[in-house]
């Protein structure tokens, strides 16, 4: 792991006065986030917790550039994410790794090809297959490169999803309920793997989770209630 990319320190994230409303039906709006302020240090690990509907996933989607805020500013590194054009948002998302509760592996591709998929159309400064194999080794699946997704357990599929998320050396890794469909022991293994990945590659990690045990493993724990930050513990 001596690649120059490993010298990255992740990126800071600044969420300032952010609100997000969604249309429900023709006239009603649902306010998913309400005037949220959050500062995340570069290279740190942050857990977002709270009941269903508290705004965890919405906040992740805004930071990841998958949604736009209704009000407020989001700055990731030196990029004002809320001001990006559609084309620039696509470019921005290349520097963000995404891990979801549903693994979203492509069923017709081998494990190693799933890992390579995000960088397949891109020019990169590393050998794609060698990097993918290295990542599979790091998540304990070096011998399953040619397996198909359906041949793996849920925990193994999530390991592949993590390898896929970081193949492009993202500055920011976002995980939305990554342990939600796994049993407790496997879920904690996956969380430890995410933390190790963040530490190894210097990536800023933001995780939304219902699991307080998982949240306690992060440096910062942010509790959301009804779209607002209830309290923050840690960094």
Protein backbone atom coordinates (compact mmCIF):
# COMPACT_ATOMS: atom_id res chain seq x y z
CA UNK A 1 0.00 0.00 0.00
CA UNK A 2 2.80 2.38 -0.87
CA UNK A 3 0.86 4.15 -3.60
CA UNK A 4 1.16 7.94 -3.52
CA UNK A 5 -2.62 8.11 -3.26
CA UNK A 6 -2.36 6.84 0.33
CA UNK A 7 -0.96 10.22 1.36
CA UNK A 8 -4.41 11.81 1.00
CA UNK A 9 -5.96 13.12 4.18
CA UNK A 10 -9.59 13.05 3.15
CA UNK A 11 -11.59 16.28 2.99
CA UNK A 12 -13.35 18.45 5.56
CA UNK A 13 -17.12 18.80 5.23
CA UNK A 14 -19.03 21.95 6.25
CA UNK A 15 -22.84 21.90 6.36
CA UNK A 16 -24.18 25.41 7.07
CA UNK A 17 -27.82 26.28 7.66
CA UNK A 18 -29.00 23.41 5.47
CA UNK A 19 -32.69 22.61 5.09
CA UNK A 20 -34.31 20.19 2.66
CA UNK A 21 -37.98 19.96 1.79
CA UNK A 22 -39.69 17.39 -0.45
CA UNK A 23 -43.06 17.69 -2.15
CA UNK A 24 -45.68 15.30 -0.82
CA UNK A 25 -48.64 15.22 -3.13
CA UNK A 26 -49.54 18.43 -4.96
CA UNK A 27 -49.27 21.04 -2.23
CA UNK A 28 -47.87 19.57 0.96
CA UNK A 29 -44.16 19.67 1.62
CA UNK A 30 -42.23 17.52 4.03
CA UNK A 31 -39.26 19.21 5.71
CA UNK A 32 -36.68 16.42 5.98
CA UNK A 33 -33.88 18.65 7.35
CA UNK A 34 -34.23 21.90 9.25
CA UNK A 35 -31.35 24.39 9.53
CA UNK A 36 -28.58 21.84 10.08
CA UNK A 37 -25.01 22.94 10.89
CA UNK A 38 -22.30 20.29 10.95
CA UNK A 39 -18.51 20.45 10.73
CA UNK A 40 -16.56 17.29 9.89
CA UNK A 41 -12.76 17.24 10.06
CA UNK A 42 -10.72 15.88 7.16
CA UNK A 43 -10.00 12.18 7.55
CA UNK A 44 -12.33 11.76 10.53
CA UNK A 45 -15.06 9.14 11.07
CA UNK A 46 -18.61 10.31 11.79
CA UNK A 47 -21.79 8.40 12.61
CA UNK A 48 -25.26 9.84 12.03
CA UNK A 49 -27.95 8.20 14.17
CA UNK A 50 -31.61 8.79 14.86
CA UNK A 51 -35.00 7.18 14.29
CA UNK A 52 -36.33 6.46 10.81
CA UNK A 53 -37.34 9.74 9.17
CA UNK A 54 -34.92 11.81 11.25
CA UNK A 55 -33.03 12.98 8.13
CA UNK A 56 -29.91 10.77 8.21
CA UNK A 57 -30.12 9.53 4.63
CA UNK A 58 -31.18 12.94 3.33
CA UNK A 59 -28.12 14.55 4.90
CA UNK A 60 -25.87 11.87 3.38
CA UNK A 61 -27.45 12.38 -0.05
CA UNK A 62 -26.88 16.13 0.16
CA UNK A 63 -23.21 15.73 1.14
CA UNK A 64 -22.78 13.15 -1.61
CA UNK A 65 -24.28 15.42 -4.25
CA UNK A 66 -27.27 13.15 -4.95
CA UNK A 67 -29.76 15.81 -3.77
CA UNK A 68 -29.60 19.60 -3.56
CA UNK A 69 -30.45 21.52 -0.38
CA UNK A 70 -33.52 23.76 -0.36
CA UNK A 71 -31.55 26.26 1.76
CA UNK A 72 -28.00 26.59 3.05
CA UNK A 73 -24.51 25.69 1.89
CA UNK A 74 -22.50 22.47 1.70
CA UNK A 75 -18.75 22.67 1.22
CA UNK A 76 -16.64 19.52 0.75
CA UNK A 77 -12.94 20.29 0.63
CA UNK A 78 -12.89 23.47 -1.44
CA UNK A 79 -16.00 22.59 -3.43
CA UNK A 80 -19.37 24.30 -2.87
CA UNK A 81 -21.46 21.23 -3.67
CA UNK A 82 -24.78 23.10 -3.62
CA UNK A 83 -23.61 25.40 -6.45
CA UNK A 84 -22.37 22.73 -8.87
CA UNK A 85 -23.89 22.28 -12.32
CA UNK A 86 -25.30 18.86 -13.26
CA UNK A 87 -22.08 18.07 -15.18
CA UNK A 88 -19.85 19.18 -12.30
CA UNK A 89 -21.95 17.18 -9.82
CA UNK A 90 -21.24 14.05 -11.85
CA UNK A 91 -17.53 14.85 -11.71
CA UNK A 92 -17.74 15.58 -7.98
CA UNK A 93 -19.39 12.22 -7.25
CA UNK A 94 -16.37 10.46 -8.73
CA UNK A 95 -14.45 11.56 -5.64
CA UNK A 96 -17.09 10.14 -3.31
CA UNK A 97 -17.37 6.44 -2.46
CA UNK A 98 -20.89 5.15 -1.73
CA UNK A 99 -21.84 2.07 0.30
CA UNK A 100 -25.53 1.24 0.80
CA UNK A 101 -27.62 -1.18 2.85
CA UNK A 102 -28.52 -3.04 -0.35
CA UNK A 103 -25.22 -4.02 -1.89
CA UNK A 104 -26.19 -3.09 -5.48
CA UNK A 105 -23.66 -5.47 -7.02
CA UNK A 106 -24.15 -6.18 -10.72
CA UNK A 107 -25.36 -9.81 -10.82
CA UNK A 108 -23.88 -10.61 -14.24
CA UNK A 109 -20.33 -9.52 -13.37
CA UNK A 110 -17.67 -11.35 -11.39
CA UNK A 111 -16.60 -9.96 -8.01
CA UNK A 112 -13.45 -8.33 -9.42
CA UNK A 113 -15.36 -6.79 -12.35
CA UNK A 114 -17.89 -5.33 -9.87
CA UNK A 115 -15.01 -3.68 -8.03
CA UNK A 116 -13.55 -2.29 -11.27
CA UNK A 117 -16.93 -1.08 -12.60
CA UNK A 118 -16.85 2.53 -11.25
CA UNK A 119 -13.49 3.28 -12.89
CA UNK A 120 -13.97 1.19 -16.04
CA UNK A 121 -14.83 4.16 -18.32
CA UNK A 122 -12.26 6.47 -16.73
CA UNK A 123 -8.61 7.21 -17.32
CA UNK A 124 -6.81 6.56 -14.05
CA UNK A 125 -3.20 6.58 -12.88
CA UNK A 126 -3.25 2.99 -11.59
CA UNK A 127 -3.76 -0.50 -13.02
CA UNK A 128 -7.42 -1.18 -12.48
CA UNK A 129 -7.29 -4.96 -12.10
CA UNK A 130 -4.24 -4.84 -9.81
CA UNK A 131 -5.89 -2.21 -7.60
CA UNK A 132 -9.14 -4.24 -7.51
CA UNK A 133 -7.28 -7.40 -6.52
CA UNK A 134 -5.37 -5.50 -3.81
CA UNK A 135 -8.66 -4.21 -2.39
CA UNK A 136 -10.23 -7.68 -2.46
CA UNK A 137 -7.22 -8.95 -0.50
CA UNK A 138 -7.67 -6.13 2.01
CA UNK A 139 -11.34 -7.08 2.62
CA UNK A 140 -10.49 -10.78 2.93
CA UNK A 141 -11.84 -11.88 -0.44
CA UNK A 142 -8.67 -12.19 -2.51
CA UNK A 143 -9.59 -15.77 -3.44
CA UNK A 144 -13.13 -14.88 -4.59
CA UNK A 145 -12.24 -12.51 -7.45
CA UNK A 146 -13.85 -14.74 -10.09
CA UNK A 147 -16.92 -15.67 -8.04
CA UNK A 148 -20.34 -14.29 -8.92
CA UNK A 149 -22.23 -12.12 -6.40
CA UNK A 150 -24.94 -14.76 -5.79
CA UNK A 151 -22.24 -17.17 -4.60
CA UNK A 152 -21.34 -14.87 -1.69
CA UNK A 153 -22.99 -14.30 1.69
CA UNK A 154 -24.50 -10.91 2.53
CA UNK A 155 -21.44 -9.93 4.56
CA UNK A 156 -19.12 -10.92 1.71
CA UNK A 157 -21.20 -8.93 -0.79
CA UNK A 158 -20.93 -5.86 1.45
CA UNK A 159 -17.15 -6.35 1.56
CA UNK A 160 -17.12 -6.29 -2.24
CA UNK A 161 -19.27 -3.14 -2.16
CA UNK A 162 -16.71 -1.46 0.12
CA UNK A 163 -13.84 -2.43 -2.18
CA UNK A 164 -15.83 -1.02 -5.13
CA UNK A 165 -16.53 2.21 -3.22
CA UNK A 166 -12.85 2.98 -2.64
CA UNK A 167 -11.26 1.83 -5.90
CA UNK A 168 -11.05 5.40 -7.21
CA UNK A 169 -9.29 6.70 -4.07
CA UNK A 170 -12.29 8.82 -2.96
CA UNK A 171 -11.72 11.79 -0.66
CA UNK A 172 -15.01 11.02 1.04
CA UNK A 173 -16.71 7.70 1.84
CA UNK A 174 -20.45 7.72 2.54
CA UNK A 175 -22.21 4.67 3.97
CA UNK A 176 -26.00 4.56 4.36
CA UNK A 177 -27.03 1.82 6.82
CA UNK A 178 -24.17 -0.44 5.60
CA UNK A 179 -24.84 -2.98 8.36
CA UNK A 180 -28.65 -2.76 8.22
CA UNK A 181 -29.27 -6.05 6.41
CA UNK A 182 -26.55 -8.02 8.24
CA UNK A 183 -26.57 -9.85 11.56
CA UNK A 184 -24.94 -8.11 14.53
CA UNK A 185 -21.54 -9.82 14.43
CA UNK A 186 -21.18 -9.43 10.66
CA UNK A 187 -22.36 -5.83 10.91
CA UNK A 188 -19.64 -4.98 13.41
CA UNK A 189 -17.03 -6.68 11.20
CA UNK A 190 -18.18 -4.56 8.25
CA UNK A 191 -18.03 -1.39 10.36
CA UNK A 192 -14.51 -2.22 11.50
CA UNK A 193 -13.59 -2.76 7.86
CA UNK A 194 -14.98 0.68 6.92
CA UNK A 195 -12.98 2.27 9.75
CA UNK A 196 -9.81 0.45 8.70
CA UNK A 197 -10.40 1.50 5.09
CA UNK A 198 -10.80 5.12 6.16
CA UNK A 199 -7.65 4.91 8.26
CA UNK A 200 -5.59 3.17 5.56
CA UNK A 201 -6.50 5.53 2.72
CA UNK A 202 -7.00 8.70 4.81
CA UNK A 203 -10.62 8.97 3.69
CA UNK A 204 -13.27 10.99 5.51
CA UNK A 205 -16.04 8.54 6.51
CA UNK A 206 -19.68 9.46 7.21
CA UNK A 207 -22.01 6.60 8.19
CA UNK A 208 -25.77 6.65 8.80
CA UNK A 209 -26.80 3.85 11.15
CA UNK A 210 -29.51 2.72 13.57
CA UNK A 211 -26.92 0.70 15.47
CA UNK A 212 -25.54 2.58 18.47
CA UNK A 213 -22.73 0.00 18.87
CA UNK A 214 -21.63 0.85 15.35
CA UNK A 215 -21.91 4.59 16.05
CA UNK A 216 -19.70 4.34 19.12
CA UNK A 217 -16.84 3.10 16.94
CA UNK A 218 -16.68 6.48 15.17
CA UNK A 219 -14.79 9.55 16.40
CA UNK A 220 -17.88 11.76 16.17
CA UNK A 221 -21.49 10.77 16.85
CA UNK A 222 -24.27 13.07 15.60
CA UNK A 223 -27.85 12.37 16.69
CA UNK A 224 -30.66 13.65 14.49
CA UNK A 225 -34.28 14.06 15.58
CA UNK A 226 -37.04 15.38 13.28
CA UNK A 227 -34.55 16.77 10.76
CA UNK A 228 -32.44 18.70 13.27
CA UNK A 229 -29.25 17.87 15.16
CA UNK A 230 -30.22 16.82 18.67
CA UNK A 231 -26.69 16.45 20.00
CA UNK A 232 -23.11 15.81 18.92
CA UNK A 233 -20.57 13.74 20.83
CA UNK A 234 -16.86 13.65 20.02
CA UNK A 235 -14.67 15.61 17.63
